Amino acid sequence: RAMEHDRAIEVYDIIRTIRDPEKPNTLEELDVVTEGGVEVQEIGEEEYLVTIRFTPTVPHCSLATLIGLCLRIKLQRCLPFRHKLEIYISEGTHSTEEDINKQINDKERVAAAMENPTLREIVEQCVTEPE
């Protein structure tokens, strides 16, 4: 359990500095991601299931999918341990949460989104650590 808790803190430290696509704030500053929204469970030898629940700033947030994409890309790049990643919108906090959850957990749709140069540039701006 202690290892899972340490891994959860490690995950949170990676995602809390992601910047909001529209505002100058981080997802942590806007309470979009919280420590309590990160869960890590050991599912095999040295492999973990990482579950992230995030809360968009408004129930009809048009950038919720983009935020989910930023979370996924940053964790894929930065997590130092083997993992499966599930990202969800906190239940009841978005008008189209089911559709968005499907989209951000679909490998092919994520790959297709990252092939779009405009979208990729926005994601890069959000996930790049400030100097």
Protein backbone atom coordinates (compact mmCIF):
# COMPACT_ATOMS: atom_id res chain seq x y z
CA ARG A 1 0.00 0.00 0.00
CA ALA A 2 2.81 2.43 0.82
CA MET A 3 4.34 1.81 -2.60
CA GLU A 4 0.99 2.51 -4.29
CA HIS A 5 0.63 5.73 -2.30
CA ASP A 6 4.16 6.81 -3.26
CA ARG A 7 3.41 6.05 -6.91
CA ALA A 8 0.19 8.11 -6.70
CA ILE A 9 2.15 11.10 -5.34
CA GLU A 10 4.69 10.63 -8.15
CA VAL A 11 1.86 10.65 -10.74
CA TYR A 12 0.27 13.73 -9.19
CA ASP A 13 3.60 15.58 -9.23
CA ILE A 14 3.82 14.93 -12.97
CA ILE A 15 0.31 16.12 -13.87
CA ARG A 16 -0.18 19.02 -11.48
CA THR A 17 2.03 21.33 -13.55
CA ILE A 18 0.15 20.80 -16.82
CA ARG A 19 -1.14 24.17 -17.96
CA ASP A 20 -4.76 24.86 -18.85
CA PRO A 21 -5.20 25.32 -22.63
CA GLU A 22 -7.06 28.64 -22.14
CA LYS A 23 -5.74 30.11 -18.90
CA PRO A 24 -2.22 30.83 -17.62
CA ASN A 25 -2.90 28.54 -14.64
CA THR A 26 -1.90 24.95 -14.00
CA LEU A 27 -4.48 22.18 -13.64
CA GLU A 28 -3.56 22.01 -9.94
CA GLU A 29 -4.23 25.74 -9.43
CA LEU A 30 -7.64 25.39 -11.07
CA ASP A 31 -8.50 22.25 -9.03
CA VAL A 32 -8.95 20.30 -12.27
CA VAL A 33 -6.58 17.67 -10.86
CA THR A 34 -6.20 16.86 -7.17
CA GLU A 35 -4.10 14.40 -5.23
CA GLY A 36 -7.30 12.54 -4.30
CA GLY A 37 -8.13 12.06 -7.98
CA VAL A 38 -5.06 9.88 -8.56
CA GLU A 39 -5.21 6.18 -7.75
CA VAL A 40 -2.47 3.62 -8.32
CA GLN A 41 -2.90 -0.14 -7.92
CA GLU A 42 -0.31 -2.82 -8.45
CA ILE A 43 -1.64 -5.19 -11.14
CA GLY A 44 1.42 -7.30 -11.77
CA GLU A 45 5.08 -7.50 -10.96
CA GLU A 46 6.34 -3.93 -11.28
CA GLU A 47 3.22 -2.93 -13.25
CA TYR A 48 0.55 -0.54 -12.06
CA LEU A 49 -2.91 0.60 -13.04
CA VAL A 50 -2.98 4.39 -12.86
CA THR A 51 -6.45 5.92 -12.69
CA ILE A 52 -6.88 9.67 -12.97
CA ARG A 53 -10.16 11.48 -12.33
CA PHE A 54 -10.20 15.13 -13.29
CA THR A 55 -12.85 17.82 -12.90
CA PRO A 56 -13.37 20.35 -15.71
CA THR A 57 -13.85 23.94 -14.54
CA VAL A 58 -17.40 24.07 -15.99
CA PRO A 59 -19.93 21.30 -16.86
CA HIS A 60 -19.84 22.14 -20.58
CA CYS A 61 -16.07 22.73 -20.81
CA SER A 62 -15.16 22.43 -24.49
CA LEU A 63 -11.55 21.65 -23.60
CA ALA A 64 -12.18 18.60 -21.38
CA THR A 65 -11.08 16.21 -24.14
CA LEU A 66 -7.93 18.26 -24.72
CA ILE A 67 -7.14 18.25 -20.99
CA GLY A 68 -7.55 14.46 -20.93
CA LEU A 69 -5.21 14.22 -23.90
CA CYS A 70 -2.60 16.37 -22.13
CA LEU A 71 -2.80 14.15 -19.04
CA ARG A 72 -2.33 11.01 -21.14
CA ILE A 73 0.59 12.35 -23.22
CA LYS A 74 2.49 13.76 -20.23
CA LEU A 75 2.13 10.52 -18.25
CA GLN A 76 3.09 8.34 -21.21
CA ARG A 77 6.27 10.38 -21.52
CA CYS A 78 7.16 10.88 -17.89
CA LEU A 79 6.05 7.88 -15.82
CA PRO A 80 9.18 5.95 -14.84
CA PHE A 81 7.34 2.68 -14.22
CA ARG A 82 5.28 0.24 -16.33
CA HIS A 83 1.64 1.16 -16.25
CA LYS A 84 -1.83 0.98 -17.71
CA LEU A 85 -3.52 4.34 -17.76
CA GLU A 86 -7.20 5.14 -17.36
CA ILE A 87 -8.37 8.74 -17.40
CA TYR A 88 -11.90 9.80 -16.54
CA ILE A 89 -13.86 12.94 -15.90
CA SER A 90 -15.12 12.98 -12.31
CA GLU A 91 -18.65 11.61 -12.30
CA GLY A 92 -21.38 14.19 -12.80
CA THR A 93 -19.02 17.10 -13.56
CA HIS A 94 -19.43 17.31 -17.35
CA SER A 95 -22.40 17.21 -19.72
CA THR A 96 -20.76 14.71 -22.11
CA GLU A 97 -18.47 12.85 -19.69
CA GLU A 98 -19.26 9.39 -21.11
CA ASP A 99 -18.27 10.36 -24.68
CA ILE A 100 -15.13 12.11 -23.52
CA ASN A 101 -14.10 9.19 -21.29
CA LYS A 102 -14.39 6.86 -24.30
CA GLN A 103 -12.37 9.21 -26.47
CA ILE A 104 -9.45 9.81 -24.10
CA ASN A 105 -9.12 6.10 -23.32
CA ASP A 106 -9.09 4.99 -26.98
CA LYS A 107 -5.49 4.49 -28.18
CA GLU A 108 -6.36 4.98 -31.87
CA ARG A 109 -8.28 8.20 -31.28
CA VAL A 110 -5.45 9.55 -29.10
CA ALA A 111 -2.89 8.67 -31.80
CA ALA A 112 -5.03 10.31 -34.49
CA ALA A 113 -5.42 13.46 -32.37
CA MET A 114 -1.66 13.70 -31.90
CA GLU A 115 -1.16 13.54 -35.68
CA ASN A 116 -2.99 16.84 -36.00
CA PRO A 117 -0.19 19.50 -35.96
CA THR A 118 -2.36 22.22 -34.39
CA LEU A 119 -3.60 19.95 -31.63
CA ARG A 120 -0.12 18.55 -31.04
CA GLU A 121 1.28 22.08 -30.63
CA ILE A 122 -1.40 22.97 -28.06
CA VAL A 123 -0.69 19.75 -26.13
CA GLU A 124 3.07 20.48 -26.20
CA GLN A 125 2.49 24.00 -24.82
CA CYS A 126 0.34 22.58 -22.00
CA VAL A 127 2.65 19.72 -20.97
CA THR A 128 6.06 21.39 -21.33
CA GLU A 129 7.54 22.32 -17.96
CA PRO A 130 8.22 26.03 -17.51
CA GLU A 131 11.95 26.83 -17.49
